[in-house]
N, C-alpha and C. Protein backbone atom coordinates (compact mmCIF):
# COMPACT_ATOMS: atom_id res chain seq x y z
N MET A 1 76.49 112.25 20.29
CA MET A 1 75.75 113.32 20.92
C MET A 1 75.73 114.56 20.02
N ARG A 2 76.83 114.88 19.39
CA ARG A 2 76.93 116.05 18.52
C ARG A 2 75.97 115.95 17.34
N ALA A 3 75.91 114.79 16.72
CA ALA A 3 75.03 114.60 15.57
C ALA A 3 73.57 114.79 15.98
N ASN A 4 73.22 114.34 17.15
CA ASN A 4 71.86 114.47 17.65
C ASN A 4 71.51 115.95 17.86
N GLU A 5 72.45 116.71 18.42
CA GLU A 5 72.23 118.14 18.63
C GLU A 5 72.07 118.86 17.29
N LEU A 6 72.87 118.49 16.31
CA LEU A 6 72.78 119.08 14.98
C LEU A 6 71.43 118.80 14.35
N LEU A 7 70.96 117.57 14.50
CA LEU A 7 69.65 117.19 13.97
C LEU A 7 68.54 118.02 14.60
N ILE A 8 68.61 118.21 15.90
CA ILE A 8 67.60 119.01 16.61
C ILE A 8 67.63 120.45 16.12
N MET A 9 68.84 121.01 15.92
CA MET A 9 68.96 122.38 15.43
C MET A 9 68.36 122.51 14.03
N GLN A 10 68.60 121.51 13.18
CA GLN A 10 68.06 121.53 11.83
C GLN A 10 66.54 121.44 11.85
N GLU A 11 66.02 120.58 12.70
CA GLU A 11 64.57 120.45 12.82
C GLU A 11 63.95 121.76 13.29
N ASN A 12 64.58 122.41 14.25
CA ASN A 12 64.07 123.69 14.75
C ASN A 12 64.10 124.75 13.66
N ALA A 13 65.16 124.78 12.87
CA ALA A 13 65.26 125.75 11.78
C ALA A 13 64.17 125.51 10.74
N ILE A 14 63.90 124.27 10.44
CA ILE A 14 62.84 123.92 9.48
C ILE A 14 61.48 124.35 10.03
N LEU A 15 61.23 124.06 11.30
CA LEU A 15 59.95 124.44 11.91
C LEU A 15 59.77 125.96 11.91
N GLU A 16 60.82 126.70 12.22
CA GLU A 16 60.73 128.16 12.21
C GLU A 16 60.43 128.67 10.80
N HIS A 17 61.08 128.07 9.82
CA HIS A 17 60.85 128.46 8.42
C HIS A 17 59.40 128.18 8.02
N LEU A 18 58.90 127.02 8.38
CA LEU A 18 57.51 126.66 8.05
C LEU A 18 56.53 127.60 8.75
N GLN A 19 56.83 127.99 9.97
CA GLN A 19 55.96 128.93 10.69
C GLN A 19 55.93 130.29 10.00
N ARG A 20 57.09 130.74 9.51
CA ARG A 20 57.12 132.02 8.78
C ARG A 20 56.31 131.92 7.49
N ILE A 21 56.42 130.80 6.80
CA ILE A 21 55.64 130.60 5.57
C ILE A 21 54.15 130.61 5.89
N GLU A 22 53.77 129.94 6.96
CA GLU A 22 52.36 129.90 7.35
C GLU A 22 51.84 131.30 7.63
N LYS A 23 52.62 132.11 8.34
CA LYS A 23 52.20 133.48 8.63
C LYS A 23 52.07 134.30 7.35
N GLN A 24 53.00 134.10 6.42
CA GLN A 24 52.93 134.81 5.15
C GLN A 24 51.67 134.42 4.38
N LEU A 25 51.33 133.14 4.40
CA LEU A 25 50.12 132.68 3.72
C LEU A 25 48.87 133.26 4.37
N GLU A 26 48.88 133.38 5.68
CA GLU A 26 47.74 133.98 6.38
C GLU A 26 47.58 135.44 5.96
N VAL A 27 48.69 136.16 5.81
CA VAL A 27 48.63 137.55 5.38
C VAL A 27 48.08 137.64 3.96
N ILE A 28 48.57 136.75 3.09
CA ILE A 28 48.08 136.73 1.70
C ILE A 28 46.59 136.45 1.68
N ASN A 29 46.17 135.48 2.46
CA ASN A 29 44.75 135.12 2.51
C ASN A 29 43.91 136.29 3.00
N SER A 30 44.40 136.97 4.02
CA SER A 30 43.69 138.13 4.56
C SER A 30 43.58 139.23 3.51
N LYS A 31 44.67 139.45 2.78
CA LYS A 31 44.66 140.48 1.74
C LYS A 31 43.69 140.11 0.63
N LEU A 32 43.63 138.84 0.29
CA LEU A 32 42.67 138.41 -0.74
C LEU A 32 41.24 138.66 -0.26
N ASP A 33 40.98 138.33 0.99
CA ASP A 33 39.64 138.52 1.54
C ASP A 33 39.26 139.99 1.60
N ASN A 34 40.24 140.85 1.82
CA ASN A 34 39.97 142.28 1.98
C ASN A 34 40.25 143.07 0.71
N PHE A 35 40.54 142.39 -0.36
CA PHE A 35 40.90 143.04 -1.61
C PHE A 35 39.74 143.89 -2.11
N MET A 36 40.02 145.17 -2.37
CA MET A 36 38.97 146.03 -2.89
C MET A 36 38.61 145.54 -4.29
N GLY A 37 37.36 145.41 -4.55
CA GLY A 37 36.91 144.88 -5.82
C GLY A 37 36.66 143.38 -5.76
N PHE A 38 36.91 142.78 -4.61
CA PHE A 38 36.72 141.34 -4.45
C PHE A 38 35.29 140.95 -4.83
N GLU A 39 34.33 141.78 -4.42
CA GLU A 39 32.92 141.47 -4.70
C GLU A 39 32.60 141.61 -6.18
N GLU A 40 33.50 142.23 -6.94
CA GLU A 40 33.28 142.41 -8.37
C GLU A 40 33.85 141.27 -9.21
N LEU A 41 34.47 140.31 -8.56
CA LEU A 41 35.04 139.19 -9.30
C LEU A 41 33.93 138.32 -9.89
N SER A 42 34.23 137.75 -11.04
CA SER A 42 33.25 136.87 -11.68
C SER A 42 33.16 135.56 -10.91
N GLU A 43 32.13 134.79 -11.22
CA GLU A 43 31.96 133.48 -10.58
C GLU A 43 33.16 132.59 -10.87
N GLU A 44 33.67 132.67 -12.08
CA GLU A 44 34.83 131.86 -12.47
C GLU A 44 36.07 132.26 -11.65
N GLU A 45 36.27 133.56 -11.46
CA GLU A 45 37.41 134.04 -10.68
C GLU A 45 37.28 133.64 -9.21
N LEU A 46 36.07 133.72 -8.67
CA LEU A 46 35.84 133.31 -7.29
C LEU A 46 36.10 131.81 -7.13
N LYS A 47 35.67 131.03 -8.11
CA LYS A 47 35.89 129.59 -8.08
C LYS A 47 37.40 129.29 -8.11
N GLU A 48 38.13 130.02 -8.95
CA GLU A 48 39.58 129.83 -9.04
C GLU A 48 40.26 130.14 -7.70
N LEU A 49 39.84 131.22 -7.05
CA LEU A 49 40.40 131.56 -5.74
C LEU A 49 40.07 130.49 -4.70
N ASP A 50 38.86 129.95 -4.76
CA ASP A 50 38.48 128.87 -3.84
C ASP A 50 39.37 127.65 -4.05
N GLU A 51 39.66 127.33 -5.31
CA GLU A 51 40.51 126.19 -5.63
C GLU A 51 41.93 126.41 -5.12
N ILE A 52 42.45 127.62 -5.29
CA ILE A 52 43.79 127.94 -4.80
C ILE A 52 43.84 127.82 -3.28
N GLU A 53 42.82 128.34 -2.61
CA GLU A 53 42.77 128.25 -1.16
C GLU A 53 42.72 126.80 -0.69
N ALA A 54 41.93 125.98 -1.37
CA ALA A 54 41.83 124.56 -1.02
C ALA A 54 43.17 123.87 -1.21
N GLU A 55 43.88 124.18 -2.31
CA GLU A 55 45.19 123.59 -2.55
C GLU A 55 46.19 124.02 -1.48
N MET A 56 46.12 125.29 -1.07
CA MET A 56 47.02 125.79 -0.04
C MET A 56 46.76 125.07 1.28
N GLU A 57 45.50 124.84 1.60
CA GLU A 57 45.16 124.16 2.85
C GLU A 57 45.68 122.73 2.85
N LYS A 58 45.72 122.10 1.68
CA LYS A 58 46.24 120.73 1.55
C LYS A 58 47.77 120.72 1.51
N GLY A 59 48.36 121.90 1.32
CA GLY A 59 49.81 121.97 1.22
C GLY A 59 50.31 121.73 -0.19
N GLU A 60 49.40 121.73 -1.15
CA GLU A 60 49.78 121.52 -2.54
C GLU A 60 50.33 122.81 -3.13
N LYS A 61 51.20 122.65 -4.12
CA LYS A 61 51.76 123.81 -4.79
C LYS A 61 50.83 124.23 -5.93
N PHE A 62 50.91 125.50 -6.27
CA PHE A 62 50.14 126.01 -7.39
C PHE A 62 50.95 127.07 -8.08
N PRO A 63 50.83 127.20 -9.40
CA PRO A 63 51.61 128.20 -10.11
C PRO A 63 51.06 129.61 -9.88
N LEU A 64 51.94 130.58 -9.76
CA LEU A 64 51.52 131.97 -9.60
C LEU A 64 51.63 132.66 -10.96
N GLU A 65 50.61 132.52 -11.77
CA GLU A 65 50.62 133.09 -13.11
C GLU A 65 49.70 134.27 -13.18
């Protein structure tokens, strides 16, 4: 019974952590959308942002360079 309770606590901690990450990504996405000068980005830069957003939606990692 103890091991089962521990497993549930670990799962809850992981879910809470993932929810915080998701909220942080939403904030980042909002800031990107509202970034002053966003409309001044080149087609290549806009394409790169679209690719990053698509990777984030898939849950893929991307380098922050």
